[in-house]
């Protein structure tokens, strides 16, 4: 059997979340993906190894999701075969300016989290704004729509236009689902 391995780097302040209370999250990831995790908590390096390529890929995606600020329970959605994880890098929109990055994160989150909540509700995705990224977990079509909405906000579209776009897409998906029945 061939042994595969990945090396991942996660923010040091997320390592404890990946390990979990008394190693519970780490153990759960290992068991549900049939992999082995070696974690260097000082550096934030995680080594994932195993013989099952799909399990390895899934473990990597779950670790990346937790590293990008998701709660482990939400990251576990990636165990479902049709769920995907995507991250939008804010540096593509603002370069290195901290002020501009904060402003953009604020646009996506919205006042008291309203904007993020609306995007999550209309796309049925989970969104995490963490560090220099905005990450999304959900079904592929929904993640693509959420990403489009987030990128529109990052490029300066008004919230009203983005919400209209999301509502239109949601109606299209529902209509498509009805015709498939």
N, C-alpha and C. Protein backbone atom coordinates (compact mmCIF):
# COMPACT_ATOMS: atom_id res chain seq x y z
N UNK A 1 0.84 -1.19 0.00
CA UNK A 1 0.00 0.00 0.00
C UNK A 1 0.89 1.26 0.00
N UNK A 2 0.46 2.25 -0.75
CA UNK A 2 1.23 3.50 -0.81
C UNK A 2 0.77 4.43 0.31
N UNK A 3 1.73 5.02 0.98
CA UNK A 3 1.42 5.98 2.04
C UNK A 3 1.53 7.39 1.45
N UNK A 4 0.48 8.18 1.62
CA UNK A 4 0.48 9.57 1.16
C UNK A 4 0.66 10.49 2.35
N UNK A 5 1.16 11.69 2.10
CA UNK A 5 1.22 12.64 3.21
C UNK A 5 1.15 14.09 2.70
N UNK A 6 0.64 14.94 3.56
CA UNK A 6 0.52 16.38 3.30
C UNK A 6 1.14 17.11 4.47
N UNK A 7 1.64 18.30 4.19
CA UNK A 7 2.08 19.17 5.27
C UNK A 7 1.26 20.44 5.16
N UNK A 8 0.67 20.84 6.27
CA UNK A 8 -0.16 22.05 6.29
C UNK A 8 0.38 23.01 7.35
N UNK A 9 0.19 24.29 7.10
CA UNK A 9 0.55 25.30 8.08
C UNK A 9 -0.75 25.98 8.51
N UNK A 10 -1.00 26.04 9.80
CA UNK A 10 -2.19 26.75 10.29
C UNK A 10 -1.75 27.81 11.29
N UNK A 11 -2.56 28.87 11.45
CA UNK A 11 -2.21 29.88 12.46
C UNK A 11 -2.05 29.22 13.83
N UNK A 12 -1.01 29.62 14.56
CA UNK A 12 -0.71 28.99 15.86
C UNK A 12 -1.90 29.04 16.81
N UNK A 13 -2.69 30.14 16.72
CA UNK A 13 -3.83 30.25 17.64
C UNK A 13 -5.00 29.33 17.27
N UNK A 14 -4.89 28.58 16.15
CA UNK A 14 -5.94 27.63 15.77
C UNK A 14 -5.53 26.18 16.03
N UNK A 15 -4.25 25.97 16.41
CA UNK A 15 -3.75 24.61 16.65
C UNK A 15 -4.54 23.93 17.77
N UNK A 16 -4.78 24.66 18.86
CA UNK A 16 -5.50 24.08 20.00
C UNK A 16 -6.91 23.66 19.59
N UNK A 17 -7.53 24.41 18.68
CA UNK A 17 -8.88 24.07 18.22
C UNK A 17 -8.83 22.76 17.42
N UNK A 18 -7.80 22.58 16.61
CA UNK A 18 -7.66 21.36 15.82
C UNK A 18 -7.42 20.15 16.73
N UNK A 19 -6.64 20.36 17.79
CA UNK A 19 -6.38 19.27 18.73
C UNK A 19 -7.65 18.97 19.54
N UNK A 20 -8.31 20.01 20.04
CA UNK A 20 -9.54 19.82 20.81
C UNK A 20 -9.25 19.43 22.24
N UNK A 21 -10.30 19.42 23.05
CA UNK A 21 -10.16 19.06 24.46
C UNK A 21 -9.67 17.62 24.57
N UNK A 22 -8.52 17.47 25.23
CA UNK A 22 -7.89 16.15 25.42
C UNK A 22 -7.70 15.40 24.08
N UNK A 23 -7.46 16.15 23.01
CA UNK A 23 -7.19 15.54 21.71
C UNK A 23 -8.42 15.02 20.98
N UNK A 24 -9.62 15.41 21.45
CA UNK A 24 -10.85 14.84 20.90
C UNK A 24 -11.07 15.18 19.42
N UNK A 25 -10.81 16.41 19.02
CA UNK A 25 -11.04 16.82 17.62
C UNK A 25 -10.04 16.11 16.70
N UNK A 26 -8.77 16.11 17.11
CA UNK A 26 -7.71 15.44 16.34
C UNK A 26 -8.08 13.97 16.12
N UNK A 27 -8.47 13.30 17.22
CA UNK A 27 -8.83 11.89 17.17
C UNK A 27 -10.03 11.67 16.24
N UNK A 28 -10.99 12.56 16.33
CA UNK A 28 -12.19 12.47 15.50
C UNK A 28 -11.84 12.61 14.01
N UNK A 29 -10.97 13.57 13.68
CA UNK A 29 -10.55 13.77 12.28
C UNK A 29 -9.82 12.51 11.80
N UNK A 30 -8.92 11.99 12.63
CA UNK A 30 -8.16 10.79 12.26
C UNK A 30 -9.09 9.61 11.99
N UNK A 31 -10.05 9.40 12.90
CA UNK A 31 -10.95 8.25 12.77
C UNK A 31 -11.88 8.38 11.57
N UNK A 32 -12.43 9.59 11.37
CA UNK A 32 -13.42 9.74 10.30
C UNK A 32 -12.79 9.82 8.91
N UNK A 33 -11.48 10.08 8.82
CA UNK A 33 -10.83 10.16 7.51
C UNK A 33 -9.79 9.05 7.30
N UNK A 34 -9.62 8.20 8.32
CA UNK A 34 -8.65 7.09 8.23
C UNK A 34 -7.23 7.61 7.97
N UNK A 35 -6.86 8.66 8.72
CA UNK A 35 -5.53 9.27 8.56
C UNK A 35 -4.84 9.38 9.91
N UNK A 36 -3.60 9.82 9.89
CA UNK A 36 -2.83 10.07 11.12
C UNK A 36 -2.37 11.52 11.07
N UNK A 37 -2.57 12.25 12.18
CA UNK A 37 -2.13 13.66 12.25
C UNK A 37 -0.97 13.79 13.22
N UNK A 38 0.12 14.41 12.77
CA UNK A 38 1.21 14.79 13.66
C UNK A 38 1.22 16.31 13.71
N UNK A 39 1.07 16.85 14.91
CA UNK A 39 0.92 18.29 15.05
C UNK A 39 2.09 18.88 15.82
N UNK A 40 2.73 19.89 15.20
CA UNK A 40 3.78 20.66 15.86
C UNK A 40 3.13 21.97 16.31
N UNK A 41 2.68 21.99 17.57
CA UNK A 41 1.93 23.16 18.03
C UNK A 41 2.76 24.42 18.17
N UNK A 42 4.07 24.28 18.30
CA UNK A 42 4.91 25.48 18.42
C UNK A 42 4.97 26.23 17.08
N UNK A 43 5.04 25.49 15.98
CA UNK A 43 5.18 26.09 14.66
C UNK A 43 3.86 26.20 13.89
N UNK A 44 2.86 25.45 14.30
CA UNK A 44 1.60 25.43 13.55
C UNK A 44 1.67 24.54 12.33
N UNK A 45 2.62 23.59 12.34
CA UNK A 45 2.74 22.63 11.23
C UNK A 45 1.94 21.38 11.55
N UNK A 46 1.19 20.91 10.55
CA UNK A 46 0.42 19.69 10.73
C UNK A 46 0.78 18.74 9.59
N UNK A 47 1.15 17.54 9.95
CA UNK A 47 1.50 16.52 8.96
C UNK A 47 0.38 15.49 8.95
N UNK A 48 -0.23 15.29 7.79
CA UNK A 48 -1.33 14.36 7.64
C UNK A 48 -0.82 13.20 6.79
N UNK A 49 -0.99 11.97 7.27
CA UNK A 49 -0.56 10.82 6.47
C UNK A 49 -1.61 9.73 6.50
N UNK A 50 -1.58 8.89 5.46
CA UNK A 50 -2.52 7.79 5.38
C UNK A 50 -2.43 7.13 4.02
N UNK A 51 -3.16 6.03 3.87
CA UNK A 51 -3.12 5.28 2.62
C UNK A 51 -4.31 5.59 1.72
N UNK A 52 -5.34 6.22 2.29
CA UNK A 52 -6.56 6.53 1.53
C UNK A 52 -6.48 7.98 1.03
N UNK A 53 -6.30 8.14 -0.29
CA UNK A 53 -6.13 9.48 -0.87
C UNK A 53 -7.33 10.39 -0.60
N UNK A 54 -8.54 9.85 -0.69
CA UNK A 54 -9.73 10.66 -0.45
C UNK A 54 -9.81 11.08 1.02
N UNK A 55 -9.52 10.14 1.92
CA UNK A 55 -9.52 10.45 3.35
C UNK A 55 -8.50 11.52 3.67
N UNK A 56 -7.35 11.43 3.03
CA UNK A 56 -6.28 12.41 3.22
C UNK A 56 -6.72 13.79 2.75
N UNK A 57 -7.33 13.83 1.58
CA UNK A 57 -7.82 15.10 1.02
C UNK A 57 -8.87 15.70 1.96
N UNK A 58 -9.80 14.87 2.44
CA UNK A 58 -10.86 15.34 3.33
C UNK A 58 -10.27 15.87 4.64
N UNK A 59 -9.30 15.14 5.21
CA UNK A 59 -8.65 15.59 6.45
C UNK A 59 -7.99 16.95 6.21
N UNK A 60 -7.31 17.09 5.09
CA UNK A 60 -6.64 18.35 4.76
C UNK A 60 -7.65 19.49 4.68
N UNK A 61 -8.79 19.25 4.01
CA UNK A 61 -9.81 20.29 3.88
C UNK A 61 -10.40 20.67 5.25
N UNK A 62 -10.64 19.68 6.11
CA UNK A 62 -11.19 19.96 7.45
C UNK A 62 -10.18 20.79 8.25
N UNK A 63 -8.91 20.41 8.20
CA UNK A 63 -7.87 21.14 8.94
C UNK A 63 -7.76 22.56 8.41
N UNK A 64 -7.78 22.72 7.07
CA UNK A 64 -7.72 24.07 6.49
C UNK A 64 -8.91 24.90 6.96
N UNK A 65 -10.09 24.30 6.99
CA UNK A 65 -11.30 25.02 7.40
C UNK A 65 -11.21 25.47 8.86
N UNK A 66 -10.76 24.58 9.74
CA UNK A 66 -10.60 24.96 11.16
C UNK A 66 -9.52 26.04 11.27
N UNK A 67 -8.45 25.87 10.52
CA UNK A 67 -7.37 26.87 10.51
C UNK A 67 -7.84 28.23 10.02
N UNK A 68 -8.88 28.27 9.19
CA UNK A 68 -9.42 29.52 8.67
C UNK A 68 -10.58 30.03 9.52
N UNK A 69 -10.71 29.51 10.73
CA UNK A 69 -11.66 30.10 11.69
C UNK A 69 -12.97 29.37 11.87
N UNK A 70 -13.19 28.27 11.15
CA UNK A 70 -14.45 27.55 11.33
C UNK A 70 -14.45 26.73 12.61
N UNK A 71 -15.62 26.61 13.21
CA UNK A 71 -15.85 25.75 14.34
C UNK A 71 -15.68 24.31 13.82
N UNK A 72 -15.04 23.42 14.57
CA UNK A 72 -14.84 22.03 14.11
C UNK A 72 -16.14 21.33 13.67
N UNK A 73 -17.26 21.65 14.33
CA UNK A 73 -18.53 21.02 13.96
C UNK A 73 -18.94 21.40 12.53
N UNK A 74 -18.71 22.65 12.17
CA UNK A 74 -19.03 23.09 10.81
C UNK A 74 -18.02 22.49 9.83
N UNK A 75 -16.75 22.47 10.20
CA UNK A 75 -15.71 21.89 9.35
C UNK A 75 -16.01 20.41 9.06
N UNK A 76 -16.65 19.73 10.01
CA UNK A 76 -17.01 18.30 9.82
C UNK A 76 -17.99 18.09 8.68
N UNK A 77 -18.70 19.14 8.27
CA UNK A 77 -19.60 19.03 7.12
C UNK A 77 -18.83 18.54 5.89
N UNK A 78 -17.53 18.82 5.86
CA UNK A 78 -16.70 18.42 4.72
C UNK A 78 -16.55 16.90 4.62
N UNK A 79 -16.97 16.19 5.65
CA UNK A 79 -16.97 14.73 5.59
C UNK A 79 -18.06 14.24 4.63
N UNK A 80 -19.09 15.08 4.43
CA UNK A 80 -20.14 14.72 3.48
C UNK A 80 -19.54 14.80 2.09
N UNK A 81 -19.81 13.83 1.24
CA UNK A 81 -19.13 13.77 -0.06
C UNK A 81 -19.39 14.97 -0.97
N UNK A 82 -20.51 15.66 -0.80
CA UNK A 82 -20.82 16.74 -1.72
C UNK A 82 -20.52 18.15 -1.17
N UNK A 83 -19.90 18.25 -0.01
CA UNK A 83 -19.58 19.56 0.55
C UNK A 83 -18.17 20.00 0.15
N UNK A 84 -18.00 21.32 -0.06
CA UNK A 84 -16.69 21.84 -0.44
C UNK A 84 -16.30 23.03 0.44
N UNK A 85 -15.00 23.30 0.45
CA UNK A 85 -14.42 24.42 1.21
C UNK A 85 -13.70 25.32 0.21
N UNK A 86 -13.95 26.63 0.30
CA UNK A 86 -13.23 27.58 -0.55
C UNK A 86 -12.84 28.79 0.28
N UNK A 87 -11.70 29.37 -0.07
CA UNK A 87 -11.24 30.57 0.63
C UNK A 87 -10.97 31.68 -0.38
N UNK A 88 -11.40 32.89 -0.03
CA UNK A 88 -11.13 34.08 -0.84
C UNK A 88 -10.01 34.84 -0.13
N UNK A 89 -8.92 35.10 -0.85
CA UNK A 89 -7.78 35.80 -0.27
C UNK A 89 -7.99 37.31 -0.41
N UNK A 90 -8.11 37.99 0.72
CA UNK A 90 -8.36 39.44 0.70
C UNK A 90 -7.21 40.23 0.08
N UNK A 91 -6.00 39.66 0.12
CA UNK A 91 -4.84 40.38 -0.44
C UNK A 91 -4.99 40.62 -1.94
N UNK A 92 -5.83 39.80 -2.60
CA UNK A 92 -6.06 39.99 -4.03
C UNK A 92 -6.85 41.27 -4.29
N UNK A 93 -7.49 41.81 -3.25
CA UNK A 93 -8.33 42.99 -3.41
C UNK A 93 -7.71 44.25 -2.83
N UNK A 94 -6.79 44.11 -1.86
CA UNK A 94 -6.25 45.31 -1.21
C UNK A 94 -4.74 45.35 -1.06
N UNK A 95 -4.05 44.32 -1.46
CA UNK A 95 -2.61 44.32 -1.22
C UNK A 95 -2.34 44.10 0.26
N UNK A 96 -1.46 44.89 0.84
CA UNK A 96 -1.06 44.64 2.23
C UNK A 96 -1.63 45.65 3.23
N UNK A 97 -2.41 46.61 2.76
CA UNK A 97 -2.94 47.65 3.64
C UNK A 97 -3.88 47.08 4.69
N UNK A 98 -3.49 47.23 5.98
CA UNK A 98 -4.31 46.70 7.08
C UNK A 98 -5.66 47.41 7.15
N UNK A 99 -5.65 48.74 6.96
CA UNK A 99 -6.89 49.52 7.05
C UNK A 99 -7.88 49.07 5.97
N UNK A 100 -7.37 48.94 4.74
CA UNK A 100 -8.24 48.53 3.64
C UNK A 100 -8.79 47.12 3.88
N UNK A 101 -7.93 46.25 4.43
CA UNK A 101 -8.37 44.88 4.70
C UNK A 101 -9.49 44.87 5.75
N UNK A 102 -9.31 45.67 6.80
CA UNK A 102 -10.34 45.77 7.85
C UNK A 102 -11.66 46.29 7.27
N UNK A 103 -11.55 47.28 6.39
CA UNK A 103 -12.75 47.87 5.77
C UNK A 103 -13.48 46.80 4.95
N UNK A 104 -12.73 46.03 4.16
CA UNK A 104 -13.35 45.00 3.33
C UNK A 104 -13.99 43.90 4.18
N UNK A 105 -13.27 43.48 5.26
CA UNK A 105 -13.85 42.47 6.14
C UNK A 105 -15.17 43.01 6.72
N UNK A 106 -15.16 44.29 7.08
CA UNK A 106 -16.35 44.93 7.62
C UNK A 106 -17.51 44.93 6.62
N UNK A 107 -17.18 45.15 5.34
CA UNK A 107 -18.22 45.14 4.30
C UNK A 107 -18.88 43.76 4.20
N UNK A 108 -18.06 42.71 4.29
CA UNK A 108 -18.60 41.35 4.16
C UNK A 108 -19.37 40.96 5.43
N UNK A 109 -18.84 41.34 6.59
CA UNK A 109 -19.52 40.99 7.85
C UNK A 109 -20.79 41.82 8.01
N UNK A 110 -20.68 43.14 7.73
CA UNK A 110 -21.83 44.02 7.88
C UNK A 110 -22.04 44.42 9.33
N UNK A 111 -22.96 45.35 9.52
CA UNK A 111 -23.26 45.83 10.87
C UNK A 111 -23.85 44.70 11.70
N UNK A 112 -23.19 44.41 12.84
CA UNK A 112 -23.60 43.34 13.75
C UNK A 112 -23.74 42.00 13.03
N UNK A 113 -22.91 41.77 11.98
CA UNK A 113 -22.91 40.50 11.29
C UNK A 113 -24.05 40.30 10.31
N UNK A 114 -24.82 41.37 10.04
CA UNK A 114 -26.01 41.25 9.20
C UNK A 114 -25.69 40.77 7.79
N UNK A 115 -24.70 41.35 7.15
CA UNK A 115 -24.38 41.01 5.77
C UNK A 115 -23.96 39.54 5.64
N UNK A 116 -23.06 39.11 6.51
CA UNK A 116 -22.62 37.71 6.48
C UNK A 116 -23.81 36.78 6.72
N UNK A 117 -24.67 37.14 7.68
CA UNK A 117 -25.84 36.31 8.01
C UNK A 117 -26.77 36.18 6.80
N UNK A 118 -27.00 37.28 6.09
CA UNK A 118 -27.88 37.25 4.91
C UNK A 118 -27.28 36.35 3.82
N UNK A 119 -25.96 36.51 3.58
CA UNK A 119 -25.31 35.66 2.56
C UNK A 119 -25.42 34.19 2.97
N UNK A 120 -25.19 33.90 4.25
CA UNK A 120 -25.28 32.51 4.73
C UNK A 120 -26.70 31.96 4.55
N UNK A 121 -27.70 32.78 4.91
CA UNK A 121 -29.09 32.31 4.81
C UNK A 121 -29.51 32.09 3.37
N UNK A 122 -29.17 33.03 2.48
CA UNK A 122 -29.62 32.92 1.09
C UNK A 122 -28.87 31.85 0.29
N UNK A 123 -27.68 31.49 0.73
CA UNK A 123 -26.91 30.47 -0.01
C UNK A 123 -26.85 29.14 0.74
N UNK A 124 -27.33 29.12 1.99
CA UNK A 124 -27.25 27.94 2.84
C UNK A 124 -25.80 27.45 2.98
N UNK A 125 -24.88 28.41 3.09
CA UNK A 125 -23.46 28.12 3.30
C UNK A 125 -23.06 28.65 4.67
N UNK A 126 -21.89 28.21 5.13
CA UNK A 126 -21.30 28.79 6.35
C UNK A 126 -20.11 29.62 5.91
N UNK A 127 -19.95 30.80 6.54
CA UNK A 127 -18.88 31.72 6.15
C UNK A 127 -18.06 32.08 7.38
N UNK A 128 -16.73 32.10 7.19
CA UNK A 128 -15.81 32.51 8.26
C UNK A 128 -14.92 33.62 7.73
N UNK A 129 -14.90 34.74 8.45
CA UNK A 129 -13.99 35.84 8.11
C UNK A 129 -12.87 35.78 9.15
N UNK A 130 -11.67 35.42 8.68
CA UNK A 130 -10.57 35.18 9.61
C UNK A 130 -9.25 35.56 8.95
N UNK A 131 -8.46 36.35 9.66
CA UNK A 131 -7.14 36.72 9.13
C UNK A 131 -7.26 37.43 7.79
N UNK A 132 -6.56 36.91 6.79
CA UNK A 132 -6.56 37.55 5.47
C UNK A 132 -7.49 36.83 4.50
N UNK A 133 -8.40 36.00 5.03
CA UNK A 133 -9.29 35.25 4.14
C UNK A 133 -10.74 35.31 4.58
N UNK A 134 -11.60 35.03 3.61
CA UNK A 134 -13.02 34.80 3.87
C UNK A 134 -13.27 33.42 3.30
N UNK A 135 -13.72 32.49 4.15
CA UNK A 135 -13.88 31.10 3.73
C UNK A 135 -15.35 30.70 3.74
N UNK A 136 -15.65 29.73 2.88
CA UNK A 136 -17.04 29.29 2.69
C UNK A 136 -17.08 27.76 2.70
N UNK A 137 -18.08 27.20 3.38
CA UNK A 137 -18.33 25.76 3.34
C UNK A 137 -19.79 25.57 2.94
N UNK A 138 -20.00 24.67 1.98
CA UNK A 138 -21.37 24.39 1.55
C UNK A 138 -21.37 23.48 0.33
N UNK A 139 -22.53 23.37 -0.29
CA UNK A 139 -22.64 22.60 -1.52
C UNK A 139 -21.99 23.40 -2.65
N UNK A 140 -21.40 22.73 -3.64
CA UNK A 140 -20.63 23.43 -4.69
C UNK A 140 -21.34 24.61 -5.35
N UNK A 141 -22.60 24.40 -5.78
CA UNK A 141 -23.31 25.50 -6.46
C UNK A 141 -23.54 26.68 -5.52
N UNK A 142 -23.89 26.38 -4.26
CA UNK A 142 -24.13 27.43 -3.27
C UNK A 142 -22.84 28.17 -2.92
N UNK A 143 -21.72 27.43 -2.80
CA UNK A 143 -20.43 28.05 -2.49
C UNK A 143 -20.04 29.00 -3.62
N UNK A 144 -20.28 28.59 -4.87
CA UNK A 144 -19.95 29.44 -6.02
C UNK A 144 -20.75 30.74 -5.97
N UNK A 145 -22.03 30.65 -5.60
CA UNK A 145 -22.88 31.84 -5.52
C UNK A 145 -22.43 32.73 -4.36
N UNK A 146 -22.14 32.12 -3.20
CA UNK A 146 -21.67 32.89 -2.03
C UNK A 146 -20.36 33.60 -2.37
N UNK A 147 -19.47 32.88 -3.05
CA UNK A 147 -18.18 33.47 -3.45
C UNK A 147 -18.40 34.68 -4.37
N UNK A 148 -19.31 34.52 -5.32
CA UNK A 148 -19.62 35.62 -6.25
C UNK A 148 -20.14 36.83 -5.48
N UNK A 149 -21.02 36.60 -4.51
CA UNK A 149 -21.58 37.68 -3.70
C UNK A 149 -20.48 38.38 -2.89
N UNK A 150 -19.61 37.58 -2.26
CA UNK A 150 -18.52 38.13 -1.45
C UNK A 150 -17.58 38.94 -2.33
N UNK A 151 -17.22 38.38 -3.49
CA UNK A 151 -16.31 39.10 -4.39
C UNK A 151 -16.94 40.39 -4.89
N UNK A 152 -18.25 40.40 -5.12
CA UNK A 152 -18.94 41.63 -5.53
C UNK A 152 -18.81 42.69 -4.44
N UNK A 153 -19.03 42.29 -3.19
CA UNK A 153 -18.89 43.24 -2.08
C UNK A 153 -17.46 43.75 -2.00
N UNK A 154 -16.48 42.85 -2.17
CA UNK A 154 -15.07 43.25 -2.09
C UNK A 154 -14.70 44.23 -3.19
N UNK A 155 -15.38 44.10 -4.35
CA UNK A 155 -15.10 45.02 -5.46
C UNK A 155 -15.90 46.31 -5.35
N UNK A 156 -16.76 46.41 -4.32
CA UNK A 156 -17.45 47.68 -4.09
C UNK A 156 -18.91 47.73 -4.48
N UNK A 157 -19.52 46.61 -4.88
CA UNK A 157 -20.96 46.61 -5.18
C UNK A 157 -21.73 46.98 -3.92
N UNK A 158 -22.92 47.55 -4.12
CA UNK A 158 -23.73 47.91 -2.95
C UNK A 158 -24.30 46.64 -2.33
N UNK A 159 -24.56 46.68 -1.03
CA UNK A 159 -25.14 45.52 -0.36
C UNK A 159 -26.50 45.19 -0.98
N UNK A 160 -27.29 46.23 -1.31
CA UNK A 160 -28.63 46.01 -1.89
C UNK A 160 -28.54 45.21 -3.19
N UNK A 161 -27.58 45.56 -4.05
CA UNK A 161 -27.43 44.83 -5.32
C UNK A 161 -27.00 43.39 -5.09
N UNK A 162 -26.10 43.19 -4.12
CA UNK A 162 -25.63 41.83 -3.82
C UNK A 162 -26.80 40.99 -3.28
N UNK A 163 -27.63 41.57 -2.41
CA UNK A 163 -28.76 40.83 -1.86
C UNK A 163 -29.76 40.48 -2.97
N UNK A 164 -29.99 41.43 -3.90
CA UNK A 164 -30.90 41.17 -5.03
C UNK A 164 -30.37 40.00 -5.85
N UNK A 165 -29.06 40.01 -6.13
CA UNK A 165 -28.41 38.93 -6.87
C UNK A 165 -28.63 37.58 -6.16
N UNK A 166 -28.41 37.58 -4.83
CA UNK A 166 -28.55 36.35 -4.05
C UNK A 166 -29.99 35.84 -4.07
N UNK A 167 -30.95 36.77 -3.95
CA UNK A 167 -32.36 36.36 -3.95
C UNK A 167 -32.75 35.79 -5.31
N UNK A 168 -32.24 36.40 -6.39
CA UNK A 168 -32.52 35.92 -7.74
C UNK A 168 -31.95 34.50 -7.91
N UNK A 169 -30.69 34.30 -7.47
CA UNK A 169 -30.05 32.99 -7.59
C UNK A 169 -30.81 31.94 -6.76
N UNK A 170 -31.25 32.35 -5.59
CA UNK A 170 -31.99 31.41 -4.73
C UNK A 170 -33.29 30.96 -5.40
N UNK A 171 -33.99 31.94 -6.02
CA UNK A 171 -35.24 31.60 -6.76
C UNK A 171 -34.93 30.64 -7.91
N UNK A 172 -33.82 30.90 -8.64
CA UNK A 172 -33.43 30.03 -9.76
C UNK A 172 -33.17 28.61 -9.28
N UNK A 173 -32.45 28.48 -8.16
CA UNK A 173 -32.14 27.15 -7.61
C UNK A 173 -33.42 26.43 -7.20
N UNK A 174 -34.33 27.18 -6.54
CA UNK A 174 -35.60 26.56 -6.10
C UNK A 174 -36.42 26.13 -7.31
N UNK A 175 -36.45 26.98 -8.36
CA UNK A 175 -37.20 26.66 -9.56
C UNK A 175 -36.62 25.40 -10.22
N UNK A 176 -35.28 25.34 -10.28
CA UNK A 176 -34.60 24.19 -10.87
C UNK A 176 -34.92 22.91 -10.06
N UNK A 177 -34.92 23.04 -8.74
CA UNK A 177 -35.22 21.89 -7.88
C UNK A 177 -36.65 21.42 -8.08
N UNK A 178 -37.57 22.36 -8.30
CA UNK A 178 -38.99 22.01 -8.51
C UNK A 178 -39.18 21.27 -9.84
N UNK A 179 -38.46 21.70 -10.88
CA UNK A 179 -38.61 21.06 -12.18
C UNK A 179 -37.97 19.68 -12.21
N UNK A 180 -37.00 19.45 -11.31
CA UNK A 180 -36.34 18.13 -11.25
C UNK A 180 -37.17 17.10 -10.50
N UNK A 181 -38.20 17.55 -9.79
CA UNK A 181 -39.02 16.61 -9.00
C UNK A 181 -39.89 15.72 -9.86
